[in-house]
Amino acid sequence: MKNALILLLLSPQLLLASCQTNENLPRVNRQLEEKRMAQISLEASELDKTLTGNKAVYEFYFETYNLEDRAQTTVSYSIDGESITGTLENNLLIVPSTAGKHIFQFFYHSTYYEVYSDSLEIKANHRNRYRVYLESADYEIMTEKPVIYLYPKTRLDVSVKIDIHGENIFTYPVYNDGWN
């Protein structure tokens, strides 16, 4: 393995959290996450006779504050840690899935905060409709970090492993004991 330059970027929020010694900080972060989780609400759950076996479908409608944002055609999201870019039609994202509990994370646009779900349960052969209320950010934001960039001077095989302390909610590409 050859040497490569690794650039690690931290968002201001994470940088602040790493420098902060206030013992109330973890409680505040949990409250913020709970607030964002509350921004997804189930509107309907219906039997869909076109679905067979263990199949199910999630539908997410993104409620935006700015009408111009509704022209957006894609959204970045993850389901159970698998990162995907989905296509929007009239602010609606359709996600085929399987029955069970699934965890979602959405990044709609840099002027809105990311939205996290708790486990959203769906039954086999059902179609669940959710409304996702997007919270406008005071400042343009990026997805939560750190981000690792590799800039090798020549083509080489690289393996990256990180020591995660805590829960790793969303990675792109999906982190399975490292990236190769």
Protein backbone atom coordinates (compact mmCIF):
# COMPACT_ATOMS: atom_id res chain seq x y z
CA MET A 1 0.00 0.00 0.00
CA LYS A 2 1.35 3.46 -0.94
CA ASN A 3 0.92 6.73 0.93
CA ALA A 4 -2.01 8.96 0.07
CA LEU A 5 -3.06 12.40 1.28
CA ILE A 6 -6.14 12.18 3.51
CA LEU A 7 -8.16 15.34 4.12
CA LEU A 8 -10.60 15.14 7.04
CA LEU A 9 -13.23 17.88 7.22
CA LEU A 10 -15.37 18.56 10.27
CA SER A 11 -18.58 20.52 10.23
CA PRO A 12 -18.71 23.52 12.60
CA GLN A 13 -21.30 21.64 14.71
CA LEU A 14 -19.03 18.64 15.22
CA LEU A 15 -16.01 20.86 15.79
CA LEU A 16 -17.97 22.75 18.43
CA ALA A 17 -19.09 19.48 20.02
CA SER A 18 -15.54 18.16 20.16
CA CYS A 19 -14.27 21.35 21.84
CA GLN A 20 -17.21 21.72 24.24
CA THR A 21 -16.84 20.49 27.82
CA ASN A 22 -20.38 21.24 28.96
CA GLU A 23 -21.89 17.99 30.33
CA ASN A 24 -25.33 19.03 29.03
CA LEU A 25 -24.16 18.86 25.40
CA PRO A 26 -25.13 15.18 24.83
CA ARG A 27 -28.61 15.91 26.20
CA VAL A 28 -28.98 18.92 23.86
CA ASN A 29 -27.84 16.84 20.86
CA ARG A 30 -30.41 14.13 21.71
CA GLN A 31 -33.12 16.80 21.92
CA LEU A 32 -32.16 18.11 18.47
CA GLU A 33 -32.24 14.58 17.02
CA GLU A 34 -35.62 13.90 18.67
CA LYS A 35 -36.94 17.14 17.18
CA ARG A 36 -35.79 16.12 13.70
CA MET A 37 -37.27 12.62 14.14
CA ALA A 38 -40.61 14.21 14.98
CA GLN A 39 -40.61 15.81 11.52
CA ILE A 40 -41.79 12.60 9.85
CA SER A 41 -45.45 11.70 10.31
CA LEU A 42 -47.45 8.74 9.05
CA GLU A 43 -50.45 9.87 7.02
CA ALA A 44 -51.80 6.53 5.79
CA SER A 45 -51.10 2.81 5.69
CA GLU A 46 -53.01 0.88 3.06
CA LEU A 47 -53.06 -2.68 1.78
CA ASP A 48 -51.67 -2.75 -1.79
CA LYS A 49 -52.86 -5.85 -3.65
CA THR A 50 -50.27 -5.28 -6.40
CA LEU A 51 -47.49 -6.15 -3.91
CA THR A 52 -46.64 -9.80 -3.33
CA GLY A 53 -44.67 -11.82 -0.80
CA ASN A 54 -42.83 -9.69 1.76
CA LYS A 55 -42.78 -6.55 -0.43
CA ALA A 56 -43.84 -3.12 0.82
CA VAL A 57 -43.59 0.50 -0.34
CA TYR A 58 -42.79 3.70 1.54
CA GLU A 59 -43.93 7.03 0.10
CA PHE A 60 -42.40 10.24 1.46
CA TYR A 61 -43.78 13.66 0.60
CA PHE A 62 -41.33 16.50 1.35
CA GLU A 63 -42.96 19.62 2.75
CA THR A 64 -40.78 22.61 1.85
CA TYR A 65 -41.07 26.26 2.82
CA ASN A 66 -39.88 27.66 -0.48
CA LEU A 67 -42.03 26.95 -3.53
CA GLU A 68 -38.96 27.13 -5.79
CA ASP A 69 -37.47 24.14 -3.92
CA ARG A 70 -40.39 21.98 -5.02
CA ALA A 71 -38.87 21.84 -8.51
CA GLN A 72 -36.06 19.66 -7.12
CA THR A 73 -35.89 16.27 -8.81
CA THR A 74 -33.59 14.23 -6.51
CA VAL A 75 -33.01 13.62 -2.80
CA SER A 76 -30.18 11.85 -0.98
CA TYR A 77 -31.33 9.32 1.58
CA SER A 78 -30.37 6.13 3.34
CA ILE A 79 -32.43 3.14 4.37
CA ASP A 80 -30.84 1.00 7.08
CA GLY A 81 -27.47 2.61 6.33
CA GLU A 82 -27.53 2.05 2.55
CA SER A 83 -27.03 5.36 0.74
CA ILE A 84 -29.22 6.10 -2.27
CA THR A 85 -30.08 9.06 -4.50
CA GLY A 86 -33.79 8.94 -5.17
CA THR A 87 -35.92 10.57 -7.84
CA LEU A 88 -38.64 12.96 -6.77
CA GLU A 89 -41.87 13.52 -8.66
CA ASN A 90 -43.80 16.51 -7.30
CA ASN A 91 -41.76 16.26 -4.07
CA LEU A 92 -42.76 12.60 -3.62
CA LEU A 93 -40.14 9.87 -3.09
CA ILE A 94 -41.24 6.25 -3.57
CA VAL A 95 -39.06 3.64 -1.84
CA PRO A 96 -39.73 -0.07 -2.54
CA SER A 97 -38.79 -2.15 0.48
CA THR A 98 -39.60 -5.24 2.48
CA ALA A 99 -41.87 -5.65 5.47
CA GLY A 100 -40.29 -4.83 8.82
CA LYS A 101 -38.72 -1.88 10.61
CA HIS A 102 -36.44 0.44 8.66
CA ILE A 103 -34.43 3.54 9.60
CA PHE A 104 -34.23 6.46 7.17
CA GLN A 105 -32.12 9.59 6.85
CA PHE A 106 -32.91 12.34 4.33
CA PHE A 107 -30.81 15.18 2.94
CA TYR A 108 -33.10 17.24 0.73
CA HIS A 109 -31.14 20.40 0.06
CA SER A 110 -28.34 22.45 1.61
CA THR A 111 -30.83 25.02 2.94
CA TYR A 112 -32.66 22.41 5.06
CA TYR A 113 -31.50 20.29 7.99
CA GLU A 114 -31.09 16.56 7.56
CA VAL A 115 -34.06 14.56 8.83
CA TYR A 116 -33.68 11.24 10.66
CA SER A 117 -36.36 8.65 11.30
CA ASP A 118 -36.71 6.23 14.12
CA SER A 119 -37.67 2.70 13.04
CA LEU A 120 -40.58 3.03 10.61
CA GLU A 121 -42.50 -0.23 10.62
CA ILE A 122 -44.36 -1.44 7.56
CA LYS A 123 -46.39 -4.60 7.00
CA ALA A 124 -46.05 -6.93 4.02
CA ASN A 125 -48.13 -5.87 0.99
CA HIS A 126 -48.66 -2.38 2.40
CA ARG A 127 -48.00 1.13 1.17
CA ASN A 128 -47.25 3.66 3.93
CA ARG A 129 -47.45 7.39 3.20
CA TYR A 130 -45.36 9.79 5.28
CA ARG A 131 -45.04 13.56 5.30
CA VAL A 132 -41.51 14.85 5.90
CA TYR A 133 -41.49 18.37 7.33
CA LEU A 134 -38.21 20.05 6.40
CA GLU A 135 -36.75 22.58 8.79
CA SER A 136 -35.14 25.54 7.10
CA ALA A 137 -31.53 26.08 8.15
CA ASP A 138 -30.43 29.54 9.24
CA TYR A 139 -27.29 29.07 7.17
CA GLU A 140 -26.59 26.84 4.23
CA ILE A 141 -25.54 23.47 5.60
CA MET A 142 -23.87 20.35 4.34
CA THR A 143 -24.52 16.78 5.39
CA GLU A 144 -22.96 15.94 8.73
CA LYS A 145 -19.30 15.06 8.59
CA PRO A 146 -16.45 14.01 8.79
CA VAL A 147 -15.70 13.60 5.10
CA ILE A 148 -12.55 11.84 3.96
CA TYR A 149 -11.02 12.70 0.58
CA LEU A 150 -8.12 10.74 -0.89
CA TYR A 151 -5.81 12.38 -3.45
CA PRO A 152 -3.22 9.80 -4.56
CA LYS A 153 -0.65 11.03 -7.09
CA THR A 154 -0.74 7.69 -8.92
CA ARG A 155 -3.32 4.92 -9.29
CA LEU A 156 -3.21 2.64 -6.24
CA ASP A 157 -5.31 0.30 -4.14
CA VAL A 158 -6.40 1.95 -0.90
CA SER A 159 -8.10 0.51 2.15
CA VAL A 160 -9.60 2.93 4.69
CA LYS A 161 -10.73 1.82 8.15
CA ILE A 162 -12.00 4.17 10.83
CA ASP A 163 -12.41 3.67 14.56
CA ILE A 164 -15.98 4.82 15.21
CA HIS A 165 -16.88 5.77 18.77
CA GLY A 166 -20.65 5.92 18.97
CA GLU A 167 -23.27 5.19 16.35
CA ASN A 168 -22.47 5.65 12.68
CA ILE A 169 -25.85 6.54 11.16
CA PHE A 170 -25.12 7.40 7.53
CA THR A 171 -22.14 6.75 5.28
CA TYR A 172 -21.63 7.06 1.56
CA PRO A 173 -20.65 4.69 0.25
CA VAL A 174 -21.92 2.21 2.86
CA TYR A 175 -19.24 1.43 5.47
CA ASN A 176 -18.82 -2.34 5.94
CA ASP A 177 -15.70 -2.69 8.10
CA GLY A 178 -13.86 -0.29 5.80
CA TRP A 179 -13.69 1.03 2.26
CA ASN A 180 -11.50 -0.51 -0.44
